[in-house]
Amino acid sequence: GNVTSLNCGVMMSLNSTAMKFDVYYGKAMHYTLMVTAASFVQVLLLVRQIEYTNARNSANKVSLLTIGQQAIIDSYLCLVHLTTGMVVEALFNAFATAAFFEFMIFSIFEMRYLLIIWKARRPQGFQEGWDTMRRELSMLYSRFYGCLLGGIVIIYQMQKYPTILLILSYTFWVPQIYHSARFDHRRPLLKRYILGMSATRLLIPLYALACPKNFFHSEPAYPLAMGLVGWMSFQVLILLIQHCKGPRFFVPSRFLPAKYDYYRRIPPDPTEQDCAICMMPVGP
């Protein structure tokens, strides 16, 4: 509306909007329920993946950077949800529940998985006494929390480029692809873990980028949402093809190292050969 005073020569223009807090709180509750359900699914997937790794003694096949980057993302989500719950007192219980699940994922399950992988790569450090073991643990935790603090600095410095930050945050499968191809590790991850983690981790950015009535009041960015889904789908596709056709399927054969062929060809005339066990001539 407009307010005009001819005597004072004043003209004011007012623009006001109303917010329906019950609708806003309802959207926030739906969001926290979605995050809590996704976190619960991630816990189940992590438990299955850890069991799969322990059963096959293949922890060294899993990329430390892949699990570490996911743990850092979960720690940031925990911090954001907890801060939001403290700011909006009416939504504290809902956001605190979501923050608790995120905290449980990265502090219990993902840190335990990182420790299993670290122990598989450096077994001598856990067999030479308590002092050496404590040194290995302090090295692991110092690197993780150092990357955590360094990520906060990077986010602050690149806050004007949120698109780049989002794409970089969702490249956590790339280290696993490289690790499997470099060391020729076959099937380090379960298919359900790859698909489930990719789908659940896309829920929050897709809610903010593709839902027109999200409680963040952000404008939809459909091209960015489609690009993020395409980038994640490309990584998942590479992992699944590695799972089926081998980790080095995309490397030309001339660049692959030579492998020893354990298959011994049978000569055309087997009668001239002797058995390596009984030392008798091998007949037709």
C-alpha atoms as a PDB file:
ATOM      1  CA  GLY A   1       0.000   0.000   0.000  1.00  0.00           C
ATOM      2  CA  ASN A   2       0.868   3.694  -0.264  1.00  0.00           C
ATOM      3  CA  VAL A   3       0.733   6.413   2.417  1.00  0.00           C
ATOM      4  CA  THR A   4       0.756  10.022   1.196  1.00  0.00           C
ATOM      5  CA  SER A   5       0.766  13.298   3.169  1.00  0.00           C
ATOM      6  CA  LEU A   6       0.312  16.414   1.023  1.00  0.00           C
ATOM      7  CA  ASN A   7       0.888  18.812   3.923  1.00  0.00           C
ATOM      8  CA  CYS A   8       4.184  17.200   4.907  1.00  0.00           C
ATOM      9  CA  GLY A   9       5.188  16.250   1.377  1.00  0.00           C
ATOM     10  CA  VAL A  10       5.789  12.656   2.374  1.00  0.00           C
ATOM     11  CA  MET A  11       4.985   9.563   0.321  1.00  0.00           C
ATOM     12  CA  MET A  12       5.569   6.079   1.663  1.00  0.00           C
ATOM     13  CA  SER A  13       5.155   2.722  -0.051  1.00  0.00           C
ATOM     14  CA  LEU A  14       4.641  -0.367   2.077  1.00  0.00           C
ATOM     15  CA  ASN A  15       4.840  -3.982   1.008  1.00  0.00           C
ATOM     16  CA  SER A  16       4.102  -6.701   3.560  1.00  0.00           C
ATOM     17  CA  THR A  17       3.686 -10.441   3.346  1.00  0.00           C
ATOM     18  CA  ALA A  18       2.185 -12.897   5.795  1.00  0.00           C
ATOM     19  CA  MET A  19       3.546 -16.323   6.639  1.00  0.00           C
ATOM     20  CA  LYS A  20       1.373 -19.189   7.744  1.00  0.00           C
ATOM     21  CA  PHE A  21       3.498 -20.674  10.457  1.00  0.00           C
ATOM     22  CA  ASP A  22       1.411 -23.818  10.746  1.00  0.00           C
ATOM     23  CA  VAL A  23       2.035 -24.592   7.057  1.00  0.00           C
ATOM     24  CA  TYR A  24       5.730 -23.716   7.423  1.00  0.00           C
ATOM     25  CA  TYR A  25       6.145 -25.940  10.475  1.00  0.00           C
ATOM     26  CA  GLY A  26       4.318 -28.740   8.672  1.00  0.00           C
ATOM     27  CA  LYS A  27       6.766 -28.559   5.763  1.00  0.00           C
ATOM     28  CA  ALA A  28       9.683 -28.583   8.200  1.00  0.00           C
ATOM     29  CA  MET A  29       8.291 -31.655   9.956  1.00  0.00           C
ATOM     30  CA  HIS A  30       7.922 -33.480   6.642  1.00  0.00           C
ATOM     31  CA  TYR A  31      11.512 -32.575   5.781  1.00  0.00           C
ATOM     32  CA  THR A  32      12.879 -33.905   9.074  1.00  0.00           C
ATOM     33  CA  LEU A  33      10.872 -37.119   8.681  1.00  0.00           C
ATOM     34  CA  MET A  34      12.406 -37.579   5.232  1.00  0.00           C
ATOM     35  CA  VAL A  35      15.928 -36.990   6.578  1.00  0.00           C
ATOM     36  CA  THR A  36      15.374 -39.329   9.532  1.00  0.00           C
ATOM     37  CA  ALA A  37      14.043 -42.111   7.298  1.00  0.00           C
ATOM     38  CA  ALA A  38      16.944 -41.683   4.859  1.00  0.00           C
ATOM     39  CA  SER A  39      19.431 -41.791   7.735  1.00  0.00           C
ATOM     40  CA  PHE A  40      17.876 -44.983   9.073  1.00  0.00           C
ATOM     41  CA  VAL A  41      18.227 -46.604   5.643  1.00  0.00           C
ATOM     42  CA  GLN A  42      21.863 -45.471   5.474  1.00  0.00           C
ATOM     43  CA  VAL A  43      22.555 -47.114   8.851  1.00  0.00           C
ATOM     44  CA  LEU A  44      21.182 -50.425   7.572  1.00  0.00           C
ATOM     45  CA  LEU A  45      23.235 -50.168   4.377  1.00  0.00           C
ATOM     46  CA  LEU A  46      26.407 -49.380   6.315  1.00  0.00           C
ATOM     47  CA  VAL A  47      25.894 -52.352   8.625  1.00  0.00           C
ATOM     48  CA  ARG A  48      25.452 -54.678   5.631  1.00  0.00           C
ATOM     49  CA  GLN A  49      28.523 -53.244   3.905  1.00  0.00           C
ATOM     50  CA  ILE A  50      30.698 -53.614   7.015  1.00  0.00           C
ATOM     51  CA  GLU A  51      29.564 -57.217   7.414  1.00  0.00           C
ATOM     52  CA  TYR A  52      30.316 -57.872   3.740  1.00  0.00           C
ATOM     53  CA  THR A  53      33.801 -56.379   4.088  1.00  0.00           C
ATOM     54  CA  ASN A  54      34.624 -58.313   7.261  1.00  0.00           C
ATOM     55  CA  ALA A  55      33.369 -61.609   5.816  1.00  0.00           C
ATOM     56  CA  ARG A  56      35.614 -61.299   2.736  1.00  0.00           C
ATOM     57  CA  ASN A  57      38.594 -59.694   4.531  1.00  0.00           C
ATOM     58  CA  SER A  58      38.570 -57.070   1.784  1.00  0.00           C
ATOM     59  CA  ALA A  59      38.694 -53.818   3.721  1.00  0.00           C
ATOM     60  CA  ASN A  60      41.789 -52.715   1.790  1.00  0.00           C
ATOM     61  CA  LYS A  61      39.697 -52.801  -1.395  1.00  0.00           C
ATOM     62  CA  VAL A  62      37.515 -49.931  -0.169  1.00  0.00           C
ATOM     63  CA  SER A  63      38.688 -46.375  -0.784  1.00  0.00           C
ATOM     64  CA  LEU A  64      39.415 -44.453   2.384  1.00  0.00           C
ATOM     65  CA  LEU A  65      38.573 -41.171   0.630  1.00  0.00           C
ATOM     66  CA  THR A  66      35.121 -42.387  -0.432  1.00  0.00           C
ATOM     67  CA  ILE A  67      34.039 -43.312   3.094  1.00  0.00           C
ATOM     68  CA  GLY A  68      35.791 -40.299   4.597  1.00  0.00           C
ATOM     69  CA  GLN A  69      34.065 -37.832   2.278  1.00  0.00           C
ATOM     70  CA  GLN A  70      30.677 -39.309   3.109  1.00  0.00           C
ATOM     71  CA  ALA A  71      31.475 -39.056   6.821  1.00  0.00           C
ATOM     72  CA  ILE A  72      32.400 -35.376   6.428  1.00  0.00           C
ATOM     73  CA  ILE A  73      29.128 -34.698   4.571  1.00  0.00           C
ATOM     74  CA  ASP A  74      27.165 -36.357   7.381  1.00  0.00           C
ATOM     75  CA  SER A  75      29.014 -34.327  10.012  1.00  0.00           C
ATOM     76  CA  TYR A  76      28.131 -31.089   8.215  1.00  0.00           C
ATOM     77  CA  LEU A  77      24.481 -32.150   7.945  1.00  0.00           C
ATOM     78  CA  CYS A  78      24.456 -32.950  11.649  1.00  0.00           C
ATOM     79  CA  LEU A  79      25.814 -29.495  12.462  1.00  0.00           C
ATOM     80  CA  VAL A  80      23.328 -27.730  10.146  1.00  0.00           C
ATOM     81  CA  HIS A  81      20.299 -29.585  11.496  1.00  0.00           C
ATOM     82  CA  LEU A  82      21.323 -29.070  15.107  1.00  0.00           C
ATOM     83  CA  THR A  83      21.897 -25.343  14.552  1.00  0.00           C
ATOM     84  CA  THR A  84      18.531 -24.986  12.804  1.00  0.00           C
ATOM     85  CA  GLY A  85      16.785 -26.706  15.700  1.00  0.00           C
ATOM     86  CA  MET A  86      18.447 -24.365  18.189  1.00  0.00           C
ATOM     87  CA  VAL A  87      17.445 -21.265  16.190  1.00  0.00           C
ATOM     88  CA  VAL A  88      13.815 -22.320  15.635  1.00  0.00           C
ATOM     89  CA  GLU A  89      12.768 -23.472  19.071  1.00  0.00           C
ATOM     90  CA  ALA A  90       9.422 -24.883  17.931  1.00  0.00           C
ATOM     91  CA  LEU A  91      11.228 -27.314  15.626  1.00  0.00           C
ATOM     92  CA  PHE A  92      13.997 -28.309  18.008  1.00  0.00           C
ATOM     93  CA  ASN A  93      12.774 -31.850  18.679  1.00  0.00           C
ATOM     94  CA  ALA A  94      12.323 -32.692  15.001  1.00  0.00           C
ATOM     95  CA  PHE A  95      15.673 -31.272  13.878  1.00  0.00           C
ATOM     96  CA  ALA A  96      17.474 -32.675  16.910  1.00  0.00           C
ATOM     97  CA  THR A  97      16.243 -36.151  15.947  1.00  0.00           C
ATOM     98  CA  ALA A  98      17.569 -35.726  12.401  1.00  0.00           C
ATOM     99  CA  ALA A  99      20.869 -34.384  13.781  1.00  0.00           C
ATOM    100  CA  PHE A 100      21.141 -37.346  16.155  1.00  0.00           C
ATOM    101  CA  PHE A 101      20.807 -39.848  13.307  1.00  0.00           C
ATOM    102  CA  GLU A 102      23.409 -37.983  11.244  1.00  0.00           C
ATOM    103  CA  PHE A 103      25.726 -37.882  14.265  1.00  0.00           C
ATOM    104  CA  MET A 104      25.254 -41.605  14.820  1.00  0.00           C
ATOM    105  CA  ILE A 105      26.050 -42.380  11.178  1.00  0.00           C
ATOM    106  CA  PHE A 106      29.359 -40.528  10.972  1.00  0.00           C
ATOM    107  CA  SER A 107      30.606 -40.906  14.564  1.00  0.00           C
ATOM    108  CA  ILE A 108      29.792 -44.596  15.067  1.00  0.00           C
ATOM    109  CA  PHE A 109      29.372 -46.470  11.803  1.00  0.00           C
ATOM    110  CA  GLU A 110      31.443 -44.491   9.300  1.00  0.00           C
ATOM    111  CA  MET A 111      34.288 -43.835  11.727  1.00  0.00           C
ATOM    112  CA  ARG A 112      34.283 -47.527  12.597  1.00  0.00           C
ATOM    113  CA  TYR A 113      34.441 -48.368   8.895  1.00  0.00           C
ATOM    114  CA  LEU A 114      37.324 -45.932   8.422  1.00  0.00           C
ATOM    115  CA  LEU A 115      39.140 -47.613  11.287  1.00  0.00           C
ATOM    116  CA  ILE A 116      38.615 -51.065   9.729  1.00  0.00           C
ATOM    117  CA  ILE A 117      40.009 -49.852   6.401  1.00  0.00           C
ATOM    118  CA  TRP A 118      42.947 -48.119   8.101  1.00  0.00           C
ATOM    119  CA  LYS A 119      43.750 -51.244  10.093  1.00  0.00           C
ATOM    120  CA  ALA A 120      43.622 -53.424   6.959  1.00  0.00           C
ATOM    121  CA  ARG A 121      46.109 -51.137   5.185  1.00  0.00           C
ATOM    122  CA  ARG A 122      48.473 -50.754   8.147  1.00  0.00           C
ATOM    123  CA  PRO A 123      48.214 -54.030  10.106  1.00  0.00           C
ATOM    124  CA  GLN A 124      51.706 -53.736  11.570  1.00  0.00           C
ATOM    125  CA  GLY A 125      50.682 -50.605  13.456  1.00  0.00           C
ATOM    126  CA  PHE A 126      48.087 -52.542  15.445  1.00  0.00           C
ATOM    127  CA  GLN A 127      50.383 -55.443  16.335  1.00  0.00           C
ATOM    128  CA  GLU A 128      53.342 -53.662  17.927  1.00  0.00           C
ATOM    129  CA  GLY A 129      51.921 -52.623  21.262  1.00  0.00           C
ATOM    130  CA  TRP A 130      49.596 -50.031  22.703  1.00  0.00           C
ATOM    131  CA  ASP A 131      51.829 -47.029  21.951  1.00  0.00           C
ATOM    132  CA  THR A 132      51.976 -47.811  18.244  1.00  0.00           C
ATOM    133  CA  MET A 133      48.243 -48.466  18.126  1.00  0.00           C
ATOM    134  CA  ARG A 134      47.538 -45.159  19.846  1.00  0.00           C
ATOM    135  CA  ARG A 135      49.793 -43.418  17.335  1.00  0.00           C
ATOM    136  CA  GLU A 136      47.872 -44.970  14.438  1.00  0.00           C
ATOM    137  CA  LEU A 137      44.525 -43.952  15.935  1.00  0.00           C
ATOM    138  CA  SER A 138      45.669 -40.399  16.551  1.00  0.00           C
ATOM    139  CA  MET A 139      46.928 -40.206  12.961  1.00  0.00           C
ATOM    140  CA  LEU A 140      43.573 -41.361  11.580  1.00  0.00           C
ATOM    141  CA  TYR A 141      41.474 -39.035  13.738  1.00  0.00           C
ATOM    142  CA  SER A 142      43.769 -36.047  13.228  1.00  0.00           C
ATOM    143  CA  ARG A 143      43.537 -36.437   9.447  1.00  0.00           C
ATOM    144  CA  PHE A 144      39.767 -36.794   9.543  1.00  0.00           C
ATOM    145  CA  TYR A 145      39.132 -33.757  11.725  1.00  0.00           C
ATOM    146  CA  GLY A 146      41.775 -31.806   9.859  1.00  0.00           C
ATOM    147  CA  CYS A 147      39.869 -32.451   6.622  1.00  0.00           C
ATOM    148  CA  LEU A 148      36.666 -31.528   8.461  1.00  0.00           C
ATOM    149  CA  LEU A 149      38.027 -28.127   9.500  1.00  0.00           C
ATOM    150  CA  GLY A 150      39.660 -27.614   6.110  1.00  0.00           C
ATOM    151  CA  GLY A 151      36.318 -28.257   4.436  1.00  0.00           C
ATOM    152  CA  ILE A 152      34.715 -25.504   6.508  1.00  0.00           C
ATOM    153  CA  VAL A 153      37.405 -23.075   5.334  1.00  0.00           C
ATOM    154  CA  ILE A 154      36.871 -24.136   1.708  1.00  0.00           C
ATOM    155  CA  ILE A 155      33.097 -23.677   2.034  1.00  0.00           C
ATOM    156  CA  TYR A 156      33.611 -20.202   3.474  1.00  0.00           C
ATOM    157  CA  GLN A 157      36.018 -19.192   0.709  1.00  0.00           C
ATOM    158  CA  MET A 158      33.802 -20.623  -2.060  1.00  0.00           C
ATOM    159  CA  GLN A 159      30.407 -19.529  -0.739  1.00  0.00           C
ATOM    160  CA  LYS A 160      29.901 -17.524  -3.931  1.00  0.00           C
ATOM    161  CA  TYR A 161      30.142 -20.721  -5.980  1.00  0.00           C
ATOM    162  CA  PRO A 162      27.551 -23.066  -4.439  1.00  0.00           C
ATOM    163  CA  THR A 163      27.119 -25.041  -7.656  1.00  0.00           C
ATOM    164  CA  ILE A 164      30.786 -26.057  -7.737  1.00  0.00           C
ATOM    165  CA  LEU A 165      30.683 -26.957  -4.040  1.00  0.00           C
ATOM    166  CA  LEU A 166      27.617 -29.116  -4.545  1.00  0.00           C
ATOM    167  CA  ILE A 167      29.111 -30.996  -7.493  1.00  0.00           C
ATOM    168  CA  LEU A 168      32.408 -31.538  -5.660  1.00  0.00           C
ATOM    169  CA  SER A 169      30.577 -32.788  -2.576  1.00  0.00           C
ATOM    170  CA  TYR A 170      28.836 -35.449  -4.632  1.00  0.00           C
ATOM    171  CA  THR A 171      31.942 -36.885  -6.266  1.00  0.00           C
ATOM    172  CA  PHE A 172      32.545 -39.314  -3.414  1.00  0.00           C
ATOM    173  CA  TRP A 173      32.388 -42.375  -5.708  1.00  0.00           C
ATOM    174  CA  VAL A 174      35.263 -41.149  -7.894  1.00  0.00           C
ATOM    175  CA  PRO A 175      38.026 -42.169  -5.413  1.00  0.00           C
ATOM    176  CA  GLN A 176      36.553 -45.679  -5.254  1.00  0.00           C
ATOM    177  CA  ILE A 177      36.494 -45.928  -9.043  1.00  0.00           C
ATOM    178  CA  TYR A 178      40.146 -44.867  -9.213  1.00  0.00           C
ATOM    179  CA  HIS A 179      41.200 -47.105  -6.310  1.00  0.00           C
ATOM    180  CA  SER A 180      39.577 -50.193  -7.836  1.00  0.00           C
ATOM    181  CA  ALA A 181      41.085 -49.522 -11.262  1.00  0.00           C
ATOM    182  CA  ARG A 182      44.577 -48.817  -9.913  1.00  0.00           C
ATOM    183  CA  PHE A 183      44.873 -51.910  -7.727  1.00  0.00           C
ATOM    184  CA  ASP A 184      42.529 -54.168  -9.744  1.00  0.00           C
ATOM    185  CA  HIS A 185      40.172 -54.730  -6.803  1.00  0.00           C
ATOM    186  CA  ARG A 186      37.016 -56.594  -7.715  1.00  0.00           C
ATOM    187  CA  ARG A 187      33.638 -56.018  -6.073  1.00  0.00           C
ATOM    188  CA  PRO A 188      34.688 -53.983  -3.030  1.00  0.00           C
ATOM    189  CA  LEU A 189      31.151 -52.662  -2.435  1.00  0.00           C
ATOM    190  CA  LEU A 190      27.713 -54.233  -2.409  1.00  0.00           C
ATOM    191  CA  LYS A 191      25.355 -53.226  -5.194  1.00  0.00           C
ATOM    192  CA  ARG A 192      22.646 -52.351  -2.694  1.00  0.00           C
ATOM    193  CA  TYR A 193      25.102 -50.152  -0.811  1.00  0.00           C
ATOM    194  CA  ILE A 194      26.045 -48.246  -3.967  1.00  0.00           C
ATOM    195  CA  LEU A 195      22.453 -47.753  -5.127  1.00  0.00           C
ATOM    196  CA  GLY A 196      20.987 -47.094  -1.676  1.00  0.00           C
ATOM    197  CA  MET A 197      23.613 -44.580  -0.599  1.00  0.00           C
ATOM    198  CA  SER A 198      23.406 -42.720  -3.892  1.00  0.00           C
ATOM    199  CA  ALA A 199      19.617 -42.473  -3.741  1.00  0.00           C
ATOM    200  CA  THR A 200      19.352 -41.419  -0.095  1.00  0.00           C
ATOM    201  CA  ARG A 201      22.121 -38.834  -0.344  1.00  0.00           C
ATOM    202  CA  LEU A 202      20.376 -37.183  -3.287  1.00  0.00           C
ATOM    203  CA  LEU A 203      17.174 -36.571  -1.306  1.00  0.00           C
ATOM    204  CA  ILE A 204      18.258 -33.389   0.488  1.00  0.00           C
ATOM    205  CA  PRO A 205      19.740 -31.523  -2.539  1.00  0.00           C
ATOM    206  CA  LEU A 206      16.836 -32.591  -4.746  1.00  0.00           C
ATOM    207  CA  TYR A 207      14.372 -31.370  -2.132  1.00  0.00           C
ATOM    208  CA  ALA A 208      16.074 -27.963  -2.112  1.00  0.00           C
ATOM    209  CA  LEU A 209      16.591 -27.748  -5.878  1.00  0.00           C
ATOM    210  CA  ALA A 210      13.542 -29.458  -7.377  1.00  0.00           C
ATOM    211  CA  CYS A 211      10.706 -29.082  -4.858  1.00  0.00           C
ATOM    212  CA  PRO A 212       8.833 -25.817  -5.617  1.00  0.00           C
ATOM    213  CA  LYS A 213       7.238 -25.659  -2.156  1.00  0.00           C
ATOM    214  CA  ASN A 214      10.196 -26.507   0.067  1.00  0.00           C
ATOM    215  CA  PHE A 215      10.440 -24.950   3.494  1.00  0.00           C
ATOM    216  CA  PHE A 216      13.780 -23.299   2.580  1.00  0.00           C
ATOM    217  CA  HIS A 217      11.804 -20.854   0.359  1.00  0.00           C
ATOM    218  CA  SER A 218      14.428 -21.332  -2.345  1.00  0.00           C
ATOM    219  CA  GLU A 219      13.617 -21.094  -6.022  1.00  0.00           C
ATOM    220  CA  PRO A 220      13.783 -24.402  -7.915  1.00  0.00           C
ATOM    221  CA  ALA A 221      16.882 -24.978 -10.032  1.00  0.00           C
ATOM    222  CA  TYR A 222      15.838 -27.837 -12.266  1.00  0.00           C
ATOM    223  CA  PRO A 223      18.911 -27.799 -14.571  1.00  0.00           C
ATOM    224  CA  LEU A 224      21.239 -28.083 -11.587  1.00  0.00           C
ATOM    225  CA  ALA A 225      19.099 -30.858 -10.079  1.00  0.00           C
ATOM    226  CA  MET A 226      19.153 -32.797 -13.341  1.00  0.00           C
ATOM    227  CA  GLY A 227      22.887 -32.254 -13.688  1.00  0.00           C
ATOM    228  CA  LEU A 228      23.491 -33.537 -10.158  1.00  0.00           C
ATOM    229  CA  VAL A 229      21.372 -36.637 -10.781  1.00  0.00           C
ATOM    230  CA  GLY A 230      23.189 -37.236 -14.076  1.00  0.00           C
ATOM    231  CA  TRP A 231      26.614 -36.885 -12.459  1.00  0.00           C
ATOM    232  CA  MET A 232      25.707 -39.254  -9.632  1.00  0.00           C
ATOM    233  CA  SER A 233      24.132 -41.733 -12.080  1.00  0.00           C
ATOM    234  CA  PHE A 234      27.305 -41.688 -14.189  1.00  0.00           C
ATOM    235  CA  GLN A 235      29.446 -42.582 -11.161  1.00  0.00           C
ATOM    236  CA  VAL A 236      27.049 -45.349 -10.133  1.00  0.00           C
ATOM    237  CA  LEU A 237      27.045 -46.722 -13.679  1.00  0.00           C
ATOM    238  CA  ILE A 238      30.847 -46.911 -13.729  1.00  0.00           C
ATOM    239  CA  LEU A 239      30.865 -48.724 -10.369  1.00  0.00           C
ATOM    240  CA  LEU A 240      28.253 -51.238 -11.515  1.00  0.00           C
ATOM    241  CA  ILE A 241      30.140 -51.933 -14.758  1.00  0.00           C
ATOM    242  CA  GLN A 242      33.322 -52.413 -12.732  1.00  0.00           C
ATOM    243  CA  HIS A 243      31.357 -54.828 -10.566  1.00  0.00           C
ATOM    244  CA  CYS A 244      30.338 -56.911 -13.608  1.00  0.00           C
ATOM    245  CA  LYS A 245      33.151 -56.532 -16.163  1.00  0.00           C
ATOM    246  CA  GLY A 246      36.146 -55.811 -13.985  1.00  0.00           C
ATOM    247  CA  PRO A 247      37.625 -52.654 -12.475  1.00  0.00           C
ATOM    248  CA  ARG A 248      39.821 -51.878 -15.515  1.00  0.00           C
ATOM    249  CA  PHE A 249      37.251 -52.264 -18.257  1.00  0.00           C
ATOM    250  CA  PHE A 250      37.747 -48.668 -19.470  1.00  0.00           C
ATOM    251  CA  VAL A 251      41.557 -48.912 -19.648  1.00  0.00           C
ATOM    252  CA  PRO A 252      42.910 -49.910 -23.108  1.00  0.00           C
ATOM    253  CA  SER A 253      44.633 -53.289 -23.066  1.00  0.00           C
ATOM    254  CA  ARG A 254      47.942 -51.846 -24.268  1.00  0.00           C
ATOM    255  CA  PHE A 255      48.183 -49.737 -21.118  1.00  0.00           C
ATOM    256  CA  LEU A 256      47.490 -52.607 -18.726  1.00  0.00           C
ATOM    257  CA  PRO A 257      50.413 -54.342 -16.983  1.00  0.00           C
ATOM    258  CA  ALA A 258      51.228 -57.831 -18.169  1.00  0.00           C
ATOM    259  CA  LYS A 259      49.798 -60.661 -16.098  1.00  0.00           C
ATOM    260  CA  TYR A 260      51.291 -64.076 -15.669  1.00  0.00           C
ATOM    261  CA  ASP A 261      49.281 -66.744 -17.456  1.00  0.00           C
ATOM    262  CA  TYR A 262      48.951 -69.736 -15.155  1.00  0.00           C
ATOM    263  CA  TYR A 263      47.275 -71.836 -17.854  1.00  0.00           C
ATOM    264  CA  ARG A 264      49.658 -74.421 -19.312  1.00  0.00           C
ATOM    265  CA  ARG A 265      48.811 -75.556 -22.780  1.00  0.00           C
ATOM    266  CA  ILE A 266      48.562 -79.291 -23.459  1.00  0.00           C
ATOM    267  CA  PRO A 267      51.015 -80.353 -26.184  1.00  0.00           C
ATOM    268  CA  PRO A 268      49.533 -81.812 -29.368  1.00  0.00           C
ATOM    269  CA  ASP A 269      51.066 -85.242 -28.624  1.00  0.00           C
ATOM    270  CA  PRO A 270      50.435 -85.985 -24.912  1.00  0.00           C
ATOM    271  CA  THR A 271      52.124 -89.392 -25.155  1.00  0.00           C
ATOM    272  CA  GLU A 272      55.515 -87.743 -25.016  1.00  0.00           C
ATOM    273  CA  GLN A 273      54.815 -86.185 -21.626  1.00  0.00           C
ATOM    274  CA  ASP A 274      55.204 -87.662 -18.157  1.00  0.00           C
ATOM    275  CA  CYS A 275      52.793 -87.144 -15.282  1.00  0.00           C
ATOM    276  CA  ALA A 276      54.210 -84.722 -12.698  1.00  0.00           C
ATOM    277  CA  ILE A 277      52.699 -86.771  -9.860  1.00  0.00           C
ATOM    278  CA  CYS A 278      53.264 -90.437 -10.677  1.00  0.00           C
ATOM    279  CA  MET A 279      56.102 -89.877 -13.203  1.00  0.00           C
ATOM    280  CA  MET A 280      54.396 -92.248 -15.653  1.00  0.00           C
ATOM    281  CA  PRO A 281      53.840 -91.507 -19.336  1.00  0.00           C
ATOM    282  CA  VAL A 282      50.622 -89.674 -20.071  1.00  0.00           C
ATOM    283  CA  GLY A 283      48.543 -91.760 -22.470  1.00  0.00           C
ATOM    284  CA  PRO A 284      45.683 -90.670 -24.726  1.00  0.00           C
END
